């Protein structure tokens, strides 16, 4: 759908806020990428390492708040 010329120049308040925030903090995007890499972008784990981790995991009881008597 093609918008008229009037609406092509429109920017929402949210877009203007994000642009202003990025202008004030030019290193913000790099910090976000570094944080993502730290928490989410993990290197692949080999199959032998996965197997070793599975074997060494401690089994958890079905209801963790109930003590075995």
C-alpha atoms as a PDB file:
ATOM      1  CA  UNK A   1       0.000   0.000   0.000  1.00  0.00           C
ATOM      2  CA  UNK A   2       1.485   3.304  -1.026  1.00  0.00           C
ATOM      3  CA  UNK A   3       1.026   6.139   1.425  1.00  0.00           C
ATOM      4  CA  UNK A   4       0.570   9.713   0.426  1.00  0.00           C
ATOM      5  CA  UNK A   5       3.476  12.147   0.648  1.00  0.00           C
ATOM      6  CA  UNK A   6       2.043  13.610   3.847  1.00  0.00           C
ATOM      7  CA  UNK A   7       2.310  10.296   5.730  1.00  0.00           C
ATOM      8  CA  UNK A   8       5.724   9.294   4.351  1.00  0.00           C
ATOM      9  CA  UNK A   9       7.385  12.042   6.420  1.00  0.00           C
ATOM     10  CA  UNK A  10       5.571  11.121   9.656  1.00  0.00           C
ATOM     11  CA  UNK A  11       7.642   9.830  12.581  1.00  0.00           C
ATOM     12  CA  UNK A  12       5.955   8.651  15.751  1.00  0.00           C
ATOM     13  CA  UNK A  13       6.833   9.909  19.203  1.00  0.00           C
ATOM     14  CA  UNK A  14       8.479   6.583  19.959  1.00  0.00           C
ATOM     15  CA  UNK A  15      10.729   6.828  16.901  1.00  0.00           C
ATOM     16  CA  UNK A  16      11.733  10.379  17.792  1.00  0.00           C
ATOM     17  CA  UNK A  17      12.481   9.311  21.376  1.00  0.00           C
ATOM     18  CA  UNK A  18      14.701   6.419  20.259  1.00  0.00           C
ATOM     19  CA  UNK A  19      16.564   8.649  17.782  1.00  0.00           C
ATOM     20  CA  UNK A  20      17.170  11.280  20.484  1.00  0.00           C
ATOM     21  CA  UNK A  21      18.326   8.602  22.930  1.00  0.00           C
ATOM     22  CA  UNK A  22      20.794   7.205  20.398  1.00  0.00           C
ATOM     23  CA  UNK A  23      22.128  10.707  19.699  1.00  0.00           C
ATOM     24  CA  UNK A  24      22.711  11.328  23.417  1.00  0.00           C
ATOM     25  CA  UNK A  25      24.346   7.908  23.966  1.00  0.00           C
ATOM     26  CA  UNK A  26      26.226   6.936  20.795  1.00  0.00           C
ATOM     27  CA  UNK A  27      27.820   3.859  22.435  1.00  0.00           C
ATOM     28  CA  UNK A  28      24.519   2.421  23.629  1.00  0.00           C
ATOM     29  CA  UNK A  29      24.100  -0.018  20.732  1.00  0.00           C
ATOM     30  CA  UNK A  30      27.612  -1.405  21.215  1.00  0.00           C
ATOM     31  CA  UNK A  31      26.825  -1.971  24.893  1.00  0.00           C
ATOM     32  CA  UNK A  32      23.633  -3.784  23.969  1.00  0.00           C
ATOM     33  CA  UNK A  33      25.507  -6.020  21.538  1.00  0.00           C
ATOM     34  CA  UNK A  34      28.184  -6.766  24.144  1.00  0.00           C
ATOM     35  CA  UNK A  35      25.518  -7.634  26.717  1.00  0.00           C
ATOM     36  CA  UNK A  36      23.740  -9.905  24.276  1.00  0.00           C
ATOM     37  CA  UNK A  37      26.994 -11.655  23.381  1.00  0.00           C
ATOM     38  CA  UNK A  38      27.765 -12.131  27.062  1.00  0.00           C
ATOM     39  CA  UNK A  39      24.391 -13.635  27.966  1.00  0.00           C
ATOM     40  CA  UNK A  40      22.990 -15.270  24.828  1.00  0.00           C
ATOM     41  CA  UNK A  41      25.540 -15.836  22.073  1.00  0.00           C
ATOM     42  CA  UNK A  42      27.319 -18.949  23.333  1.00  0.00           C
ATOM     43  CA  UNK A  43      29.799 -21.011  21.350  1.00  0.00           C
ATOM     44  CA  UNK A  44      28.569 -24.452  20.236  1.00  0.00           C
ATOM     45  CA  UNK A  45      29.135 -27.344  22.655  1.00  0.00           C
ATOM     46  CA  UNK A  46      30.529 -30.626  21.383  1.00  0.00           C
ATOM     47  CA  UNK A  47      28.449 -33.799  21.681  1.00  0.00           C
ATOM     48  CA  UNK A  48      30.920 -35.375  24.113  1.00  0.00           C
ATOM     49  CA  UNK A  49      30.726 -32.289  26.336  1.00  0.00           C
ATOM     50  CA  UNK A  50      26.908 -32.376  26.211  1.00  0.00           C
ATOM     51  CA  UNK A  51      26.938 -36.041  27.201  1.00  0.00           C
ATOM     52  CA  UNK A  52      29.362 -35.375  30.077  1.00  0.00           C
ATOM     53  CA  UNK A  53      27.139 -32.545  31.366  1.00  0.00           C
ATOM     54  CA  UNK A  54      24.013 -34.728  31.185  1.00  0.00           C
ATOM     55  CA  UNK A  55      25.706 -37.564  33.090  1.00  0.00           C
ATOM     56  CA  UNK A  56      27.051 -35.278  35.802  1.00  0.00           C
ATOM     57  CA  UNK A  57      23.739 -33.494  36.419  1.00  0.00           C
ATOM     58  CA  UNK A  58      22.179 -34.130  39.832  1.00  0.00           C
ATOM     59  CA  UNK A  59      18.661 -35.544  39.618  1.00  0.00           C
ATOM     60  CA  UNK A  60      16.043 -33.260  41.152  1.00  0.00           C
ATOM     61  CA  UNK A  61      13.067 -34.635  43.027  1.00  0.00           C
ATOM     62  CA  UNK A  62       9.612 -34.051  41.572  1.00  0.00           C
ATOM     63  CA  UNK A  63       8.485 -31.535  44.199  1.00  0.00           C
ATOM     64  CA  UNK A  64      11.524 -29.596  45.360  1.00  0.00           C
ATOM     65  CA  UNK A  65       9.907 -28.053  48.456  1.00  0.00           C
ATOM     66  CA  UNK A  66       8.984 -31.386  50.012  1.00  0.00           C
ATOM     67  CA  UNK A  67      11.621 -33.034  52.202  1.00  0.00           C
ATOM     68  CA  UNK A  68      12.191 -36.756  52.023  1.00  0.00           C
ATOM     69  CA  UNK A  69      11.490 -38.303  55.410  1.00  0.00           C
END
